[in-house]
Amino acid sequence: MSDKESIAEKRPFSVSVGILITSNNKKMFYPQGKSARLHKEMILHARKKNILVFFFYPQNIYWKSRKIRGFTLDKKDKWVQKKFDFPDIVYNRLSYRSEEKKVQVQNTLNKLQQKNMFLFNTRFLNKWEVHQALKNNPEIASYLPRTSVFSKSALYEFINTYDEVFLKPHNSSRGKGIIKIIKKPGKQLVFASVESKPLVWIKCKSFENLYHRLQVYIPYPKYYLLQQGINLAKFQKRIFDLRMQVQKDGNGKWVLTGIGVRVAAPNRFVTHIPNGGKAAPFEEVINEVFRNRKEHIEKIKRQIRIICKVVPETLEKHLGINLAIISLDVGIDINGDLYIFEVNSKPASFDEEDIRKRHLELLTDYFIFVVSQKLSNNMDYEVKRKV
């Protein structure tokens, strides 16, 4: 079978997949708004390949009877609630770290793996563990901005080395909790929190003054990282970064799903849409920013290929977990060099329709691949036992 052929095309299977999710409203069993639309897209796309997809909450598992109460769409595409047999595959799409950390939920995740169900994207990732895993791989280490656990001495050293420094929580996403520090001429230091709206820069007369004032913004310093600021390229005078999604295909191989660009709001230092950022097409942005510099564009695309191959393989191996889908926030500096800012094991859905459709196509092919592998392994076991 060639790399371009998926098992889904070669051999159809009847596959069941349970998507573990967080309830946004305890009074509402069915999803609402955007979540409902995205859930429907996945169910309907999977149905075309004879794959049953249903969604369920951690508290709705009946271990003794091997049943799960969840919801899916009926033949008329209306929400229906019922009890399902244990699925072949469980995809962990819990939305909040606080939810996933609960003892009951951790026990549930462990038990699911013990019940002969394939569980993937088993947990959120921690920024520091991701950095540690990637920096030890020489193929990818150069794509990482210098990063350190926060301490007073580390902060002092970073401030004296770089003109811009970022403070980021270990366990956060979508830009939450980020603080930017700038060293201005005359040794003046200023900082601002991403939560400040409008953005307010706080002036500090000395390093000691800066360190003292930061205590208000980071009450738990041990949960923060320091990161070197990068001289990012700009699109229409605004910083931007790439949102890249990578996932496994119908042969279990990592492929690029798609790339979107997120452009920061004027005078903001994060690009996330909840913080005023906006989406833009990748090719349009790159061609405008690096106009008449084809060598830079080729270098960017070459680096993207390396990142997409090496990062997920390294994380799976180093962290010892099943990852089938990840997203990466990647910055580009003025020379066309790429920097990995964040890796997320629970990527948000892309607004770009073409990327979302490719995601569903690859995901459903991967479901079939996983079950085919399980069946193949079981058949091998039976043959060996009879021999």
Protein backbone atom coordinates (compact mmCIF):
# COMPACT_ATOMS: atom_id res chain seq x y z
CA MET A 1 0.00 0.00 0.00
CA SER A 2 1.43 3.39 -0.96
CA ASP A 3 1.63 6.30 1.47
CA LYS A 4 -1.13 8.03 -0.49
CA GLU A 5 -3.57 5.17 0.00
CA SER A 6 -5.37 5.00 3.33
CA ILE A 7 -6.67 1.82 4.90
CA ALA A 8 -10.09 3.49 4.85
CA GLU A 9 -10.06 3.20 1.06
CA LYS A 10 -8.86 -0.41 1.07
CA ARG A 11 -11.01 -2.05 3.71
CA PRO A 12 -14.18 -0.70 5.36
CA PHE A 13 -14.80 -1.44 9.02
CA SER A 14 -17.64 -0.84 11.44
CA VAL A 15 -15.98 1.38 14.05
CA SER A 16 -17.31 3.00 17.22
CA VAL A 17 -15.71 6.11 18.73
CA GLY A 18 -16.57 7.83 22.00
CA ILE A 19 -15.53 11.47 22.36
CA LEU A 20 -14.98 12.40 26.01
CA ILE A 21 -16.03 16.03 26.58
CA THR A 22 -16.76 18.57 29.30
CA SER A 23 -20.32 19.70 29.82
CA ASN A 24 -20.60 23.50 29.55
CA ASN A 25 -23.94 23.56 31.33
CA LYS A 26 -24.93 20.88 33.82
CA LYS A 27 -28.63 21.41 33.03
CA MET A 28 -28.11 20.81 29.30
CA PHE A 29 -27.16 17.31 28.16
CA TYR A 30 -26.89 18.23 24.49
CA PRO A 31 -24.31 20.71 23.17
CA GLN A 32 -25.22 24.25 22.25
CA GLY A 33 -23.99 26.85 19.75
CA LYS A 34 -20.63 26.34 18.07
CA SER A 35 -19.97 23.06 19.92
CA ALA A 36 -23.20 21.58 18.55
CA ARG A 37 -22.24 22.53 15.00
CA LEU A 38 -18.74 21.04 15.30
CA HIS A 39 -20.03 17.85 16.92
CA LYS A 40 -22.57 17.42 14.11
CA GLU A 41 -19.86 17.87 11.48
CA MET A 42 -17.81 15.06 13.02
CA ILE A 43 -20.76 12.67 13.43
CA LEU A 44 -22.02 13.17 9.87
CA HIS A 45 -18.55 12.87 8.32
CA ALA A 46 -17.85 9.67 10.25
CA ARG A 47 -21.22 8.19 9.33
CA LYS A 48 -20.21 8.25 5.64
CA LYS A 49 -17.45 5.76 6.49
CA ASN A 50 -19.63 3.51 8.64
CA ILE A 51 -18.15 4.95 11.84
CA LEU A 52 -20.36 5.57 14.85
CA VAL A 53 -19.33 8.68 16.79
CA PHE A 54 -20.96 9.63 20.08
CA PHE A 55 -20.10 12.16 22.77
CA PHE A 56 -20.15 11.54 26.50
CA TYR A 57 -19.24 13.03 29.89
CA PRO A 58 -16.91 11.36 32.44
CA GLN A 59 -19.71 10.73 34.94
CA ASN A 60 -21.88 8.78 32.48
CA ILE A 61 -19.95 5.50 32.31
CA TYR A 62 -21.51 2.28 33.67
CA TRP A 63 -18.54 0.03 34.27
CA LYS A 64 -20.36 -3.15 35.33
CA SER A 65 -22.64 -3.27 32.31
CA ARG A 66 -19.93 -1.87 29.99
CA LYS A 67 -22.25 0.89 28.79
CA ILE A 68 -21.85 4.64 28.31
CA ARG A 69 -24.69 7.15 28.27
CA GLY A 70 -24.00 9.65 25.54
CA PHE A 71 -25.52 11.44 22.58
CA THR A 72 -25.33 11.34 18.81
CA LEU A 73 -27.57 12.15 15.82
CA ASP A 74 -30.46 9.94 14.72
CA LYS A 75 -31.38 9.20 11.10
CA LYS A 76 -33.13 12.56 10.87
CA ASP A 77 -29.99 14.33 12.19
CA LYS A 78 -31.66 15.19 15.49
CA TRP A 79 -29.87 14.83 18.83
CA VAL A 80 -30.66 11.57 20.58
CA GLN A 81 -29.50 10.28 23.97
CA LYS A 82 -28.93 6.58 24.59
CA LYS A 83 -26.67 3.99 26.16
CA PHE A 84 -23.84 2.76 23.93
CA ASP A 85 -21.59 -0.28 24.23
CA PHE A 86 -17.98 0.50 25.11
CA PRO A 87 -16.40 1.92 21.94
CA ASP A 88 -13.29 0.77 20.10
CA ILE A 89 -11.68 4.20 20.55
CA VAL A 90 -11.94 7.03 23.07
CA TYR A 91 -10.76 10.49 22.07
CA ASN A 92 -10.10 12.75 25.07
CA ARG A 93 -11.49 16.20 24.25
CA LEU A 94 -11.96 17.47 27.82
CA SER A 95 -11.78 21.26 27.56
CA TYR A 96 -10.26 22.31 30.87
CA ARG A 97 -7.11 21.32 32.72
CA SER A 98 -8.90 21.69 36.04
CA GLU A 99 -11.48 19.13 34.93
CA GLU A 100 -8.89 16.67 33.65
CA LYS A 101 -6.88 16.88 36.90
CA LYS A 102 -9.79 15.76 39.10
CA VAL A 103 -9.12 12.43 40.81
CA GLN A 104 -12.36 10.93 39.50
CA VAL A 105 -11.53 11.92 35.93
CA GLN A 106 -7.97 10.60 36.20
CA ASN A 107 -9.36 7.30 37.47
CA THR A 108 -11.80 7.23 34.56
CA LEU A 109 -9.05 7.80 32.00
CA ASN A 110 -6.93 5.04 33.53
CA LYS A 111 -9.83 2.58 33.58
CA LEU A 112 -10.75 3.32 29.96
CA GLN A 113 -7.26 2.31 28.88
CA GLN A 114 -7.55 -0.93 30.86
CA LYS A 115 -10.81 -1.92 29.16
CA ASN A 116 -9.25 -2.63 25.77
CA MET A 117 -10.22 0.77 24.39
CA PHE A 118 -7.67 2.80 22.47
CA LEU A 119 -7.37 6.18 24.20
CA PHE A 120 -5.53 9.00 22.47
CA ASN A 121 -4.60 12.60 23.27
CA THR A 122 -4.76 11.35 26.81
CA ARG A 123 -3.92 14.64 28.52
CA PHE A 124 -3.02 18.30 28.26
CA LEU A 125 0.64 19.17 27.74
CA ASN A 126 2.80 21.28 30.02
CA LYS A 127 4.93 23.99 28.37
CA TRP A 128 8.03 23.05 30.35
CA GLU A 129 7.85 19.31 29.63
CA VAL A 130 7.37 20.10 25.94
CA HIS A 131 10.41 22.39 25.95
CA GLN A 132 12.51 19.78 27.76
CA ALA A 133 11.51 17.07 25.31
CA LEU A 134 12.21 19.15 22.21
CA LYS A 135 15.44 20.81 23.30
CA ASN A 136 17.10 17.41 23.66
CA ASN A 137 16.47 16.64 19.99
CA PRO A 138 19.19 18.27 17.87
CA GLU A 139 16.89 18.27 14.82
CA ILE A 140 14.45 20.65 16.50
CA ALA A 141 16.34 22.41 19.33
CA SER A 142 17.22 25.43 17.15
CA TYR A 143 13.51 26.18 16.69
CA LEU A 144 13.00 26.90 20.38
CA PRO A 145 13.35 30.35 21.96
CA ARG A 146 15.51 30.20 25.07
CA THR A 147 13.29 29.22 28.00
CA SER A 148 13.83 28.82 31.75
CA VAL A 149 11.88 28.16 34.91
CA PHE A 150 11.10 31.49 36.59
CA SER A 151 13.28 32.66 39.47
CA LYS A 152 14.63 36.02 40.53
CA SER A 153 18.15 35.19 39.35
CA ALA A 154 16.89 33.82 36.02
CA LEU A 155 14.78 36.91 35.48
CA TYR A 156 17.78 39.14 36.16
CA GLU A 157 19.90 37.20 33.68
CA PHE A 158 17.20 37.28 30.96
CA ILE A 159 16.61 41.02 31.43
CA ASN A 160 20.31 41.68 31.02
CA THR A 161 20.54 39.49 27.92
CA TYR A 162 17.41 40.31 25.92
CA ASP A 163 15.51 43.49 25.10
CA GLU A 164 12.20 41.64 25.42
CA VAL A 165 11.25 38.85 27.82
CA PHE A 166 7.98 36.95 28.27
CA LEU A 167 6.54 35.32 31.39
CA LYS A 168 4.19 32.43 30.64
CA PRO A 169 2.30 30.03 32.93
CA HIS A 170 3.32 26.36 32.58
CA ASN A 171 -0.28 25.24 32.17
CA SER A 172 -2.31 27.65 30.09
CA SER A 173 -3.47 28.22 26.55
CA ARG A 174 -4.92 30.94 24.33
CA GLY A 175 -2.44 33.47 25.68
CA LYS A 176 -3.82 33.51 29.22
CA GLY A 177 -1.54 34.90 31.93
CA ILE A 178 1.25 36.10 29.61
CA ILE A 179 3.33 39.11 30.67
CA LYS A 180 5.73 41.00 28.44
CA ILE A 181 8.75 42.91 29.75
CA ILE A 182 10.62 45.45 27.63
CA LYS A 183 14.04 46.95 28.37
CA LYS A 184 14.03 50.51 27.09
CA PRO A 185 16.98 52.88 26.53
CA GLY A 186 18.43 54.21 29.77
CA LYS A 187 17.79 50.86 31.52
CA GLN A 188 14.12 51.67 32.05
CA LEU A 189 11.94 48.58 32.37
CA VAL A 190 8.24 48.35 31.51
CA PHE A 191 5.83 45.43 31.57
CA ALA A 192 2.24 44.68 30.68
CA SER A 193 -0.16 41.81 31.25
CA VAL A 194 -2.18 40.34 28.39
CA GLU A 195 -5.29 40.66 30.57
CA SER A 196 -4.90 44.46 30.64
CA LYS A 197 -7.58 46.00 28.40
CA PRO A 198 -6.72 48.52 27.15
CA LEU A 199 -3.06 47.53 27.34
CA VAL A 200 -1.30 49.44 30.14
CA TRP A 201 2.50 49.49 30.37
CA ILE A 202 3.79 49.77 33.93
CA LYS A 203 7.08 51.61 34.37
CA CYS A 204 9.72 50.33 36.78
CA LYS A 205 12.71 52.36 37.90
CA SER A 206 14.94 49.36 38.64
CA PHE A 207 15.14 45.58 38.45
CA GLU A 208 14.18 45.31 42.14
CA ASN A 209 11.16 47.50 41.51
CA LEU A 210 10.17 45.30 38.55
CA TYR A 211 10.54 42.09 40.54
CA HIS A 212 8.50 43.52 43.41
CA ARG A 213 5.67 44.72 41.16
CA LEU A 214 5.48 41.43 39.28
CA GLN A 215 4.47 39.65 42.49
CA VAL A 216 0.96 41.06 42.12
CA TYR A 217 0.63 39.51 38.66
CA ILE A 218 2.27 36.16 39.35
CA PRO A 219 1.24 35.07 42.86
CA TYR A 220 2.58 31.56 42.16
CA PRO A 221 6.01 32.14 40.52
CA LYS A 222 6.90 28.44 40.46
CA TYR A 223 4.22 27.91 37.80
CA TYR A 224 5.80 30.40 35.40
CA LEU A 225 8.43 30.21 32.68
CA LEU A 226 10.71 32.88 31.24
CA GLN A 227 11.05 33.04 27.49
CA GLN A 228 13.32 35.03 25.23
CA GLY A 229 11.53 37.63 23.08
CA ILE A 230 11.90 37.18 19.31
CA ASN A 231 12.13 40.00 16.76
CA LEU A 232 9.06 38.84 14.86
CA ALA A 233 8.21 39.71 11.28
CA LYS A 234 5.11 41.90 10.93
CA PHE A 235 2.10 41.84 8.64
CA GLN A 236 0.53 45.27 8.10
CA LYS A 237 2.56 46.54 11.08
CA ARG A 238 1.20 43.84 13.40
CA ILE A 239 2.86 40.73 14.76
CA PHE A 240 1.50 37.38 13.63
CA ASP A 241 2.13 33.71 14.12
CA LEU A 242 1.26 30.44 12.43
CA ARG A 243 -1.32 28.04 13.82
CA MET A 244 -0.33 24.65 12.44
CA GLN A 245 -2.26 21.46 12.99
CA VAL A 246 -0.57 18.08 12.53
CA GLN A 247 -2.33 14.74 12.83
CA LYS A 248 -2.07 11.07 11.97
CA ASP A 249 -3.57 9.84 8.71
CA GLY A 250 -5.10 6.55 7.57
CA ASN A 251 -1.69 4.90 7.75
CA GLY A 252 -0.85 6.19 11.21
CA LYS A 253 1.68 8.68 9.84
CA TRP A 254 1.97 12.33 10.88
CA VAL A 255 0.88 14.82 8.20
CA LEU A 256 0.18 18.54 8.10
CA THR A 257 -3.55 19.24 8.30
CA GLY A 258 -3.22 22.91 7.49
CA ILE A 259 -1.84 26.29 8.49
CA GLY A 260 -3.74 29.38 9.51
CA VAL A 261 -2.27 32.75 10.40
CA ARG A 262 -3.36 34.71 13.46
CA VAL A 263 -2.63 38.44 13.36
CA ALA A 264 -2.52 40.44 16.59
CA ALA A 265 -4.74 43.45 17.20
CA PRO A 266 -2.95 46.84 16.98
CA ASN A 267 -0.39 47.28 19.77
CA ARG A 268 -1.11 43.84 21.28
CA PHE A 269 1.61 41.24 21.87
CA VAL A 270 -0.48 38.06 21.55
CA THR A 271 -2.33 36.93 18.45
CA HIS A 272 -5.14 34.84 19.92
CA ILE A 273 -8.59 35.75 18.61
CA PRO A 274 -10.09 36.10 22.15
CA ASN A 275 -7.47 38.84 22.66
CA GLY A 276 -8.47 40.73 19.54
CA GLY A 277 -6.49 38.76 16.95
CA LYS A 278 -7.83 37.91 13.51
CA ALA A 279 -7.38 35.09 11.01
CA ALA A 280 -5.56 35.55 7.71
CA PRO A 281 -4.56 33.20 4.83
CA PHE A 282 -1.08 31.71 5.15
CA GLU A 283 0.06 32.17 1.54
CA GLU A 284 -1.22 35.74 1.38
CA VAL A 285 0.58 36.77 4.56
CA ILE A 286 3.89 35.06 3.75
CA ASN A 287 3.98 36.41 0.21
CA GLU A 288 3.29 39.96 1.38
CA VAL A 289 5.70 39.92 4.34
CA PHE A 290 8.56 38.35 2.38
CA ARG A 291 7.81 39.93 -0.98
CA ASN A 292 10.68 39.54 -3.49
CA ARG A 293 12.50 37.21 -1.07
CA LYS A 294 11.70 33.78 -2.49
CA GLU A 295 14.60 32.21 -0.61
CA HIS A 296 12.96 33.24 2.69
CA ILE A 297 9.62 31.74 1.66
CA GLU A 298 11.28 28.47 0.63
CA LYS A 299 13.20 28.41 3.91
CA ILE A 300 9.96 28.89 5.87
CA LYS A 301 8.25 26.02 4.06
CA ARG A 302 11.28 23.78 4.53
CA GLN A 303 11.28 24.49 8.27
CA ILE A 304 7.55 23.77 8.46
CA ARG A 305 8.13 20.31 6.97
CA ILE A 306 10.82 19.55 9.57
CA ILE A 307 8.69 20.76 12.47
CA CYS A 308 5.65 18.76 11.35
CA LYS A 309 7.65 15.55 11.19
CA VAL A 310 9.96 15.82 14.17
CA VAL A 311 7.89 17.55 16.88
CA PRO A 312 5.00 15.05 17.24
CA GLU A 313 7.27 12.02 16.95
CA THR A 314 9.61 13.44 19.60
CA LEU A 315 6.79 14.26 22.02
CA GLU A 316 5.15 10.84 21.71
CA LYS A 317 8.46 9.08 22.30
CA HIS A 318 9.71 11.34 25.12
CA LEU A 319 6.40 11.69 26.99
CA GLY A 320 5.19 8.13 26.39
CA ILE A 321 1.62 9.10 25.43
CA ASN A 322 -0.65 8.53 22.43
CA LEU A 323 -0.97 11.71 20.41
CA ALA A 324 -2.90 11.70 17.17
CA ILE A 325 -3.57 15.44 16.81
CA ILE A 326 -1.57 18.47 17.95
CA SER A 327 -1.49 22.15 17.10
CA LEU A 328 1.55 24.40 17.23
CA ASP A 329 1.90 28.16 17.62
CA VAL A 330 4.94 29.10 15.56
CA GLY A 331 6.50 32.54 15.15
CA ILE A 332 8.59 33.81 12.22
CA ASP A 333 11.38 36.33 12.75
CA ILE A 334 12.49 39.00 10.29
CA ASN A 335 15.02 36.59 8.72
CA GLY A 336 12.43 33.89 8.05
CA ASP A 337 13.54 31.66 10.93
CA LEU A 338 10.79 29.77 12.77
CA TYR A 339 10.30 29.51 16.55
CA ILE A 340 7.95 27.11 18.33
CA PHE A 341 6.07 28.98 21.05
CA GLU A 342 3.54 26.38 22.12
CA VAL A 343 2.30 22.85 21.41
CA ASN A 344 -1.29 21.94 22.28
CA SER A 345 -2.76 18.43 22.55
CA LYS A 346 -6.33 19.79 22.65
CA PRO A 347 -6.36 22.07 19.60
CA ALA A 348 -9.29 24.38 19.06
CA SER A 349 -11.25 23.97 15.85
CA PHE A 350 -10.03 26.04 12.92
CA ASP A 351 -12.35 28.65 11.47
CA GLU A 352 -10.85 27.91 8.04
CA GLU A 353 -13.34 25.49 6.43
CA ASP A 354 -10.79 23.73 4.21
CA ILE A 355 -8.59 22.91 7.22
CA ARG A 356 -11.57 21.71 9.24
CA LYS A 357 -12.73 19.40 6.43
CA ARG A 358 -9.25 17.93 5.97
CA HIS A 359 -9.06 17.42 9.74
CA LEU A 360 -12.26 15.34 9.70
CA GLU A 361 -11.11 13.33 6.70
CA LEU A 362 -7.79 12.46 8.32
CA LEU A 363 -9.36 11.83 11.72
CA THR A 364 -11.94 9.34 10.45
CA ASP A 365 -9.30 7.55 8.37
CA TYR A 366 -7.19 7.31 11.51
CA PHE A 367 -10.11 5.78 13.45
CA ILE A 368 -10.33 3.01 10.86
CA PHE A 369 -6.55 2.51 10.92
CA VAL A 370 -6.54 2.07 14.71
CA VAL A 371 -9.28 -0.56 14.63
CA SER A 372 -7.63 -2.40 11.73
CA GLN A 373 -4.41 -2.54 13.77
CA LYS A 374 -6.29 -3.89 16.80
CA LEU A 375 -7.95 -6.58 14.68
CA SER A 376 -4.64 -7.50 13.06
CA ASN A 377 -2.93 -7.81 16.44
CA ASN A 378 -5.77 -9.97 17.79
CA MET A 379 -5.59 -12.27 14.74
CA ASP A 380 -1.82 -12.60 15.17
CA TYR A 381 -2.36 -13.49 18.82
CA GLU A 382 -4.96 -16.17 17.95
CA VAL A 383 -2.68 -17.73 15.34
CA LYS A 384 0.25 -17.88 17.79
CA ARG A 385 -1.99 -19.38 20.49
CA LYS A 386 -3.21 -22.15 18.19
CA VAL A 387 0.34 -22.92 17.05
